[in-house]
Amino acid sequence: MDVPFWVWAITVGAIVAMIVFDFVGHVRTPHAPSLREAATWSTIYVAIAIVFGIGVWVFAGGQYGGEYFAGYITEKSLSVDNLFVFVLIMASFAVPRELQQKVLLFGIAFALILRTVFIFLGAAAIENFSWVFYLFGAFLIYTAVAQARASGDEDEEFKENGFLRLVRRIVPTTEEYHSDRMTTKLDGRRYITPLAIALVAIGSADILFAVDSIPAIFGLTEETFLVFAANAFSLLGLRQLFFLIDGLLDRLVYLHYGLAVILGFIGVKLLIHALHENELPFINGGEHVTVIPEVPTWLSLAVIVLTLLVTTVASLARSRRDEREAAARAGSTGTPTVGSTGPGVAGEVRGDGVPVDGTDRGDRGDRAVTPAPAGSRDPGDGRGGV
């Protein structure tokens, strides 16, 4: 696929323009977006990604169009999984809801820059060393097994990584938020705020996310332009998606199984491709191994879409069943359930879908009048701060 420089320039320019528009139009004035605002802009960004894919299909052919859509859907589904970690980070640092947009947007911009570097490094490695496909394939299969064995428990506490702890030790940090500022000056000395620490946490988490997402999409297309575009468009709408499905994340109980299937499938696909491109002397004497046919793009796209569909339907069915069982148990014991009029009853749900007691991941810190110190821990729930 020969992509002219001007096409690259227009694509990169449009992506940068959308990030700038997001900052100026939505993030510069701190506010908690409504469900309608999040839904509208999520739809717009998905529509932009689809229009771009149709353009690829029309001007470059169905093969590349299918590769783009397979890559975009895969990256989008992995992004949804990443949102679970973002939620934990927001709760751990008690980020006020009106400030969460800024943290997410800066984190997304950092992730896009980081992934662009990884993409070009990966493309260079693939072009010069065909055996890299073996490494990518083996790593994705390992990641798939880890995903399948994961508990899927979203209530786990966010654990600060070494880089984040190093930042805390080196850079003076305030204990409280100062509006949406990243730094502030107190008694003539410059400090960073907990908002900046939360941003570092999001950015460092993005490094881990890129490790599995980049090999995954290279398993679907080797075209650097398509890899970059699919990653960029999947990240651009992530901020809006966070607020749109914030209350639905707990319902996607089988998402990690679906992602395990997708990553495992792509890993096997990469190993098959590696055998077709084989140049390692200790495998078949350095000759290509073509006994197993390569997986066509249409089949990859079908497997990805079907897996996500089954995972989503099964997750929602499980959530509804659990809710009915919980309601039945509460009814038998006389405990008020959802919809009861008693104030502050555990399990009661507000109009925006957030439980009154805030004991699950629906509590994102928007109830806090005075944010807790960054990284503080509440012995009551083990996560703290919110």
Protein backbone atom coordinates (compact mmCIF):
# COMPACT_ATOMS: atom_id res chain seq x y z
CA MET A 1 0.00 0.00 0.00
CA ASP A 2 1.71 3.16 -1.23
CA VAL A 3 0.51 6.12 0.83
CA PRO A 4 1.60 9.55 -0.48
CA PHE A 5 3.11 12.04 1.94
CA TRP A 6 0.19 14.43 1.55
CA VAL A 7 -2.23 11.73 2.73
CA TRP A 8 -0.08 11.18 5.83
CA ALA A 9 0.04 14.96 6.39
CA ILE A 10 -3.72 15.40 6.11
CA THR A 11 -4.42 12.43 8.39
CA VAL A 12 -1.98 13.54 11.09
CA GLY A 13 -3.16 17.14 10.80
CA ALA A 14 -6.81 16.10 11.20
CA ILE A 15 -6.00 13.99 14.27
CA VAL A 16 -4.05 16.82 15.91
CA ALA A 17 -6.88 19.23 15.09
CA MET A 18 -9.42 16.95 16.78
CA ILE A 19 -7.29 16.74 19.92
CA VAL A 20 -6.93 20.54 19.99
CA PHE A 21 -10.69 20.92 19.44
CA ASP A 22 -11.33 18.52 22.32
CA PHE A 23 -9.17 20.60 24.63
CA VAL A 24 -10.50 24.01 23.60
CA GLY A 25 -14.14 22.99 23.21
CA HIS A 26 -14.60 20.57 26.08
CA VAL A 27 -11.71 20.29 28.51
CA ARG A 28 -10.46 23.85 29.02
CA THR A 29 -13.60 24.66 31.03
CA PRO A 30 -13.78 21.93 33.71
CA HIS A 31 -17.16 20.20 33.82
CA ALA A 32 -18.63 16.74 34.16
CA PRO A 33 -20.11 15.86 30.75
CA SER A 34 -23.71 14.78 30.60
CA LEU A 35 -24.73 11.42 29.22
CA ARG A 36 -26.14 13.16 26.14
CA GLU A 37 -22.90 15.07 25.51
CA ALA A 38 -20.81 11.91 25.87
CA ALA A 39 -23.14 9.90 23.61
CA THR A 40 -23.19 12.61 20.93
CA TRP A 41 -19.45 12.99 20.69
CA SER A 42 -18.80 9.26 20.95
CA THR A 43 -21.10 8.78 17.98
CA ILE A 44 -19.32 11.54 16.04
CA TYR A 45 -15.87 10.02 16.60
CA VAL A 46 -17.04 6.53 15.68
CA ALA A 47 -18.67 7.97 12.55
CA ILE A 48 -15.39 9.71 11.59
CA ALA A 49 -13.52 6.41 12.00
CA ILE A 50 -16.10 4.58 9.85
CA VAL A 51 -15.99 7.25 7.12
CA PHE A 52 -12.20 6.99 7.08
CA GLY A 53 -12.44 3.21 6.73
CA ILE A 54 -14.91 3.54 3.86
CA GLY A 55 -12.44 5.89 2.18
CA VAL A 56 -9.69 3.30 2.55
CA TRP A 57 -12.03 0.66 1.12
CA VAL A 58 -12.95 2.84 -1.89
CA PHE A 59 -9.51 4.16 -2.78
CA ALA A 60 -7.25 1.29 -1.66
CA GLY A 61 -9.49 -1.74 -2.09
CA GLY A 62 -11.46 -4.16 0.06
CA GLN A 63 -8.37 -5.96 1.35
CA TYR A 64 -6.94 -2.87 3.04
CA GLY A 65 -10.38 -1.64 4.03
CA GLY A 66 -11.05 -4.91 5.83
CA GLU A 67 -7.66 -4.79 7.54
CA TYR A 68 -8.38 -1.28 8.81
CA PHE A 69 -11.79 -2.17 10.22
CA ALA A 70 -10.43 -5.34 11.85
CA GLY A 71 -7.65 -3.31 13.44
CA TYR A 72 -9.95 -0.49 14.52
CA ILE A 73 -12.48 -2.82 16.16
CA THR A 74 -9.71 -4.72 17.95
CA GLU A 75 -8.06 -1.55 19.24
CA LYS A 76 -11.43 -0.15 20.32
CA SER A 77 -12.26 -3.30 22.28
CA LEU A 78 -8.84 -3.22 23.95
CA SER A 79 -9.45 0.44 24.78
CA VAL A 80 -12.67 -0.48 26.59
CA ASP A 81 -10.67 -2.94 28.68
CA ASN A 82 -8.22 -0.14 29.46
CA LEU A 83 -11.08 1.96 30.82
CA PHE A 84 -11.33 -0.40 33.80
CA VAL A 85 -7.83 0.67 34.84
CA PHE A 86 -8.62 4.34 34.21
CA VAL A 87 -11.62 4.06 36.53
CA LEU A 88 -9.45 2.60 39.28
CA ILE A 89 -6.88 5.37 38.83
CA MET A 90 -9.54 8.07 39.04
CA ALA A 91 -10.94 6.52 42.21
CA SER A 92 -7.52 5.93 43.78
CA PHE A 93 -6.53 9.59 43.37
CA ALA A 94 -10.03 10.92 44.12
CA VAL A 95 -10.03 12.94 40.90
CA PRO A 96 -13.12 15.20 40.96
CA ARG A 97 -15.45 14.30 38.13
CA GLU A 98 -15.25 17.73 36.52
CA LEU A 99 -11.46 17.32 36.21
CA GLN A 100 -11.44 13.79 34.84
CA GLN A 101 -11.81 14.96 31.24
CA LYS A 102 -8.50 16.82 31.38
CA VAL A 103 -6.63 13.83 32.80
CA LEU A 104 -8.09 11.56 30.14
CA LEU A 105 -7.37 13.91 27.22
CA PHE A 106 -3.76 14.49 28.20
CA GLY A 107 -3.35 10.78 28.82
CA ILE A 108 -4.79 9.97 25.39
CA ALA A 109 -2.48 12.50 23.70
CA PHE A 110 0.50 10.92 25.47
CA ALA A 111 -0.68 7.44 24.49
CA LEU A 112 -0.99 8.48 20.84
CA ILE A 113 2.56 9.83 20.77
CA LEU A 114 3.90 6.75 22.52
CA ARG A 115 2.06 4.33 20.26
CA THR A 116 3.24 6.18 17.16
CA VAL A 117 6.83 5.58 18.26
CA PHE A 118 6.08 1.91 18.95
CA ILE A 119 4.34 1.55 15.58
CA PHE A 120 7.31 2.80 13.60
CA LEU A 121 9.72 0.70 15.66
CA GLY A 122 7.52 -2.35 15.11
CA ALA A 123 7.23 -1.67 11.38
CA ALA A 124 11.01 -1.35 11.07
CA ALA A 125 11.53 -4.60 13.00
CA ILE A 126 9.03 -6.48 10.83
CA GLU A 127 10.55 -5.18 7.63
CA ASN A 128 14.05 -6.29 8.59
CA PHE A 129 13.44 -9.34 10.75
CA SER A 130 10.62 -11.69 9.76
CA TRP A 131 11.18 -13.75 12.93
CA VAL A 132 9.64 -10.86 14.92
CA PHE A 133 6.26 -12.38 14.01
CA TYR A 134 7.16 -15.39 16.16
CA LEU A 135 7.78 -13.08 19.13
CA PHE A 136 4.57 -11.09 18.56
CA GLY A 137 2.52 -14.26 18.17
CA ALA A 138 3.95 -15.94 21.27
CA PHE A 139 3.48 -12.80 23.34
CA LEU A 140 -0.16 -12.42 22.30
CA ILE A 141 -0.92 -16.05 23.14
CA TYR A 142 0.72 -15.55 26.54
CA THR A 143 -1.36 -12.38 27.04
CA ALA A 144 -4.51 -14.24 26.00
CA VAL A 145 -3.89 -16.93 28.62
CA ALA A 146 -3.31 -14.25 31.26
CA GLN A 147 -6.55 -12.52 30.26
CA ALA A 148 -8.51 -15.77 30.43
CA ARG A 149 -7.11 -16.57 33.87
CA ALA A 150 -7.84 -13.08 35.20
CA SER A 151 -10.55 -12.89 37.82
CA GLY A 152 -12.35 -10.08 36.02
CA ASP A 153 -12.77 -8.40 39.42
CA GLU A 154 -12.97 -4.69 38.77
CA ASP A 155 -12.83 -3.82 42.48
CA GLU A 156 -9.12 -4.44 42.70
CA GLU A 157 -7.11 -1.57 44.11
CA PHE A 158 -4.91 0.37 41.72
CA LYS A 159 -1.28 -0.30 42.56
CA GLU A 160 1.23 2.43 41.82
CA ASN A 161 4.09 1.33 39.59
CA GLY A 162 7.75 2.05 40.24
CA PHE A 163 7.86 5.06 37.94
CA LEU A 164 4.94 6.69 39.75
CA ARG A 165 6.52 6.10 43.16
CA LEU A 166 9.77 7.60 41.85
CA VAL A 167 7.95 10.75 40.72
CA ARG A 168 6.37 11.10 44.17
CA ARG A 169 9.77 10.86 45.88
CA ILE A 170 11.56 13.29 43.57
CA VAL A 171 8.94 15.96 42.84
CA PRO A 172 7.25 17.95 45.66
CA THR A 173 3.51 17.28 45.56
CA THR A 174 0.58 19.04 47.22
CA GLU A 175 -1.96 17.12 49.23
CA GLU A 176 -4.99 18.81 47.68
CA TYR A 177 -6.26 19.71 44.22
CA HIS A 178 -5.91 23.29 42.96
CA SER A 179 -8.73 23.57 40.44
CA ASP A 180 -7.51 22.06 37.13
CA ARG A 181 -3.90 23.19 37.51
CA MET A 182 -1.06 20.71 37.15
CA THR A 183 1.35 22.83 39.19
CA THR A 184 1.00 25.52 41.85
CA LYS A 185 3.29 27.74 43.88
CA LEU A 186 3.10 27.66 47.68
CA ASP A 187 5.33 29.81 49.87
CA GLY A 188 7.47 30.62 46.88
CA ARG A 189 8.07 26.97 45.98
CA ARG A 190 6.69 25.18 42.93
CA TYR A 191 4.68 21.98 43.53
CA ILE A 192 2.84 19.58 41.27
CA THR A 193 -0.75 18.77 42.16
CA PRO A 194 -2.48 15.40 42.54
CA LEU A 195 -3.98 16.03 39.10
CA ALA A 196 -0.50 15.83 37.59
CA ILE A 197 0.20 12.63 39.51
CA ALA A 198 -3.03 11.10 38.17
CA LEU A 199 -1.92 12.10 34.68
CA VAL A 200 1.43 10.36 35.21
CA ALA A 201 -0.46 7.27 36.37
CA ILE A 202 -2.63 7.27 33.24
CA GLY A 203 0.41 7.81 31.00
CA SER A 204 2.48 5.06 32.59
CA ALA A 205 -0.48 2.68 32.32
CA ASP A 206 -0.66 3.53 28.60
CA ILE A 207 2.84 2.15 28.16
CA LEU A 208 1.63 -1.28 29.28
CA PHE A 209 -1.46 -1.02 27.09
CA ALA A 210 0.68 -0.34 24.02
CA VAL A 211 2.71 -3.50 24.62
CA ASP A 212 -0.19 -5.78 23.69
CA SER A 213 -2.19 -3.51 21.37
CA ILE A 214 0.61 -2.86 18.86
CA PRO A 215 1.50 -6.54 18.27
CA ALA A 216 -2.23 -7.30 18.05
CA ILE A 217 -2.89 -4.88 15.22
CA PHE A 218 0.29 -5.87 13.37
CA GLY A 219 -1.24 -9.33 13.36
CA LEU A 220 -4.11 -7.91 11.30
CA THR A 221 -2.25 -5.59 8.95
CA GLU A 222 1.38 -4.81 8.20
CA GLU A 223 0.54 -1.43 6.68
CA THR A 224 2.02 1.23 8.95
CA PHE A 225 -0.50 3.84 7.81
CA LEU A 226 -3.46 1.61 8.70
CA VAL A 227 -1.91 0.64 12.04
CA PHE A 228 -1.43 4.30 12.93
CA ALA A 229 -4.90 5.37 11.77
CA ALA A 230 -6.71 2.53 13.57
CA ASN A 231 -4.86 3.30 16.81
CA ALA A 232 -5.44 7.04 16.53
CA PHE A 233 -9.18 6.78 15.83
CA SER A 234 -9.70 4.21 18.58
CA LEU A 235 -8.01 6.54 21.09
CA LEU A 236 -9.67 9.78 19.98
CA GLY A 237 -13.12 8.86 21.23
CA LEU A 238 -11.88 7.20 24.41
CA ARG A 239 -12.53 10.22 26.63
CA GLN A 240 -16.18 10.41 25.61
CA LEU A 241 -16.53 6.64 25.80
CA PHE A 242 -15.29 6.72 29.39
CA PHE A 243 -18.21 8.88 30.50
CA LEU A 244 -20.71 7.14 28.22
CA ILE A 245 -20.21 3.59 29.47
CA ASP A 246 -18.97 4.52 32.94
CA GLY A 247 -21.99 2.88 34.51
CA LEU A 248 -21.93 -0.08 32.13
CA LEU A 249 -18.36 -1.23 32.75
CA ASP A 250 -19.42 -3.33 35.73
CA ARG A 251 -21.84 -5.19 33.48
CA LEU A 252 -19.17 -6.34 31.00
CA VAL A 253 -18.21 -9.24 33.26
CA TYR A 254 -17.03 -11.50 30.43
CA LEU A 255 -15.07 -8.89 28.47
CA HIS A 256 -11.70 -10.30 29.54
CA TYR A 257 -12.70 -13.70 28.12
CA GLY A 258 -13.67 -12.12 24.82
CA LEU A 259 -10.38 -10.24 24.61
CA ALA A 260 -8.53 -13.46 25.47
CA VAL A 261 -10.17 -15.18 22.49
CA ILE A 262 -9.34 -12.27 20.16
CA LEU A 263 -5.72 -11.95 21.30
CA GLY A 264 -5.23 -15.73 21.15
CA PHE A 265 -6.71 -15.86 17.65
CA ILE A 266 -4.44 -13.04 16.43
CA GLY A 267 -1.46 -14.70 18.13
CA VAL A 268 -2.08 -17.96 16.25
CA LYS A 269 -2.58 -15.94 13.06
CA LEU A 270 0.81 -14.31 13.59
CA LEU A 271 2.52 -17.65 14.17
CA ILE A 272 1.02 -19.03 10.96
CA HIS A 273 2.22 -15.95 9.09
CA ALA A 274 5.66 -16.33 10.68
CA LEU A 275 5.85 -19.89 9.37
CA HIS A 276 4.96 -18.69 5.88
CA GLU A 277 7.74 -16.08 6.11
CA ASN A 278 10.12 -18.38 7.98
CA GLU A 279 13.85 -17.78 7.59
CA LEU A 280 15.06 -19.38 10.82
CA PRO A 281 17.50 -22.18 9.97
CA PHE A 282 16.36 -24.45 12.83
CA ILE A 283 12.76 -24.46 11.55
CA ASN A 284 12.29 -26.53 8.38
CA GLY A 285 15.87 -25.78 7.38
CA GLY A 286 15.08 -22.09 6.92
CA GLU A 287 12.42 -22.83 4.30
CA HIS A 288 8.88 -21.45 4.35
CA VAL A 289 6.22 -23.61 6.02
CA THR A 290 2.95 -23.32 4.10
CA VAL A 291 1.09 -26.43 5.21
CA ILE A 292 -1.39 -24.34 7.17
CA PRO A 293 -3.05 -21.66 5.04
CA GLU A 294 -2.92 -18.05 6.25
CA VAL A 295 -6.03 -16.60 7.86
CA PRO A 296 -7.83 -14.23 5.43
CA THR A 297 -8.83 -10.73 6.54
CA TRP A 298 -12.56 -11.39 6.24
CA LEU A 299 -12.27 -14.32 8.67
CA SER A 300 -10.30 -12.21 11.17
CA LEU A 301 -12.94 -9.50 11.03
CA ALA A 302 -15.76 -12.04 11.45
CA VAL A 303 -14.10 -13.71 14.46
CA ILE A 304 -13.47 -10.36 16.18
CA VAL A 305 -17.01 -9.03 15.66
CA LEU A 306 -18.68 -12.32 16.61
CA THR A 307 -16.56 -12.70 19.75
CA LEU A 308 -17.36 -9.18 20.94
CA LEU A 309 -21.06 -9.67 20.19
CA VAL A 310 -21.27 -12.95 22.12
CA THR A 311 -19.22 -11.50 24.99
CA THR A 312 -21.43 -8.42 25.30
CA VAL A 313 -24.73 -10.33 25.11
CA ALA A 314 -23.54 -12.94 27.63
CA SER A 315 -22.26 -10.22 29.99
CA LEU A 316 -25.52 -8.27 29.95
CA ALA A 317 -27.55 -11.46 30.43
CA ARG A 318 -25.38 -12.40 33.43
CA SER A 319 -25.78 -8.91 34.93
CA ARG A 320 -29.57 -9.01 34.58
CA ARG A 321 -29.67 -12.45 36.18
CA ASP A 322 -27.52 -11.28 39.09
CA GLU A 323 -29.77 -8.24 39.58
CA ARG A 324 -32.90 -10.42 39.67
CA GLU A 325 -31.29 -12.78 42.18
CA ALA A 326 -30.16 -9.86 44.35
CA ALA A 327 -33.66 -8.37 44.22
CA ALA A 328 -35.18 -11.72 45.17
CA ARG A 329 -32.81 -12.10 48.13
CA ALA A 330 -33.48 -8.54 49.27
CA GLY A 331 -37.23 -9.10 48.98
CA SER A 332 -37.09 -12.25 51.08
CA THR A 333 -35.20 -10.46 53.86
CA GLY A 334 -37.24 -7.26 53.66
CA THR A 335 -34.21 -5.18 52.64
CA PRO A 336 -35.10 -2.17 50.44
CA THR A 337 -33.85 -2.57 46.88
CA VAL A 338 -33.43 -0.38 43.83
CA GLY A 339 -36.25 2.09 43.57
CA SER A 340 -36.98 2.20 47.32
CA THR A 341 -37.75 5.59 48.77
CA GLY A 342 -35.64 5.26 51.89
CA PRO A 343 -32.75 7.74 51.84
CA GLY A 344 -29.19 6.43 51.73
CA VAL A 345 -30.13 2.76 51.55
CA ALA A 346 -27.32 0.50 50.38
CA GLY A 347 -27.99 -0.65 46.86
CA GLU A 348 -30.19 2.32 46.01
CA VAL A 349 -29.38 3.87 42.66
CA ARG A 350 -29.56 7.53 41.78
CA GLY A 351 -30.95 8.77 38.48
CA ASP A 352 -27.49 8.74 36.89
CA GLY A 353 -26.95 5.10 37.76
CA VAL A 354 -24.52 5.67 40.63
CA PRO A 355 -25.21 3.68 43.85
CA VAL A 356 -25.87 5.86 46.88
CA ASP A 357 -23.43 4.02 49.10
CA GLY A 358 -20.65 4.29 46.50
CA THR A 359 -19.30 0.85 47.35
CA ASP A 360 -18.83 -0.30 43.76
CA ARG A 361 -16.95 1.15 40.86
CA GLY A 362 -19.85 3.39 39.96
CA ASP A 363 -18.49 5.84 42.54
CA ARG A 364 -16.07 7.97 40.55
CA GLY A 365 -15.35 10.71 43.00
CA ASP A 366 -18.13 13.06 41.91
CA ARG A 367 -19.72 12.87 45.37
CA ALA A 368 -16.63 14.20 47.09
CA VAL A 369 -17.05 17.78 48.27
CA THR A 370 -13.47 18.02 49.43
CA PRO A 371 -11.13 15.69 47.53
CA ALA A 372 -8.97 13.46 49.65
CA PRO A 373 -5.19 13.72 49.43
CA ALA A 374 -3.67 12.04 46.41
CA GLY A 375 -3.06 8.38 46.92
CA SER A 376 -4.75 8.34 50.34
CA ARG A 377 -6.32 5.09 51.40
CA ASP A 378 -9.65 4.70 53.13
CA PRO A 379 -9.51 1.68 55.44
CA GLY A 380 -13.20 1.28 54.93
CA ASP A 381 -13.05 0.12 51.34
CA GLY A 382 -9.39 -0.52 50.65
CA ARG A 383 -9.31 1.86 47.68
CA GLY A 384 -9.55 5.14 49.47
CA GLY A 385 -9.80 8.71 48.52
CA VAL A 386 -13.18 8.87 46.83
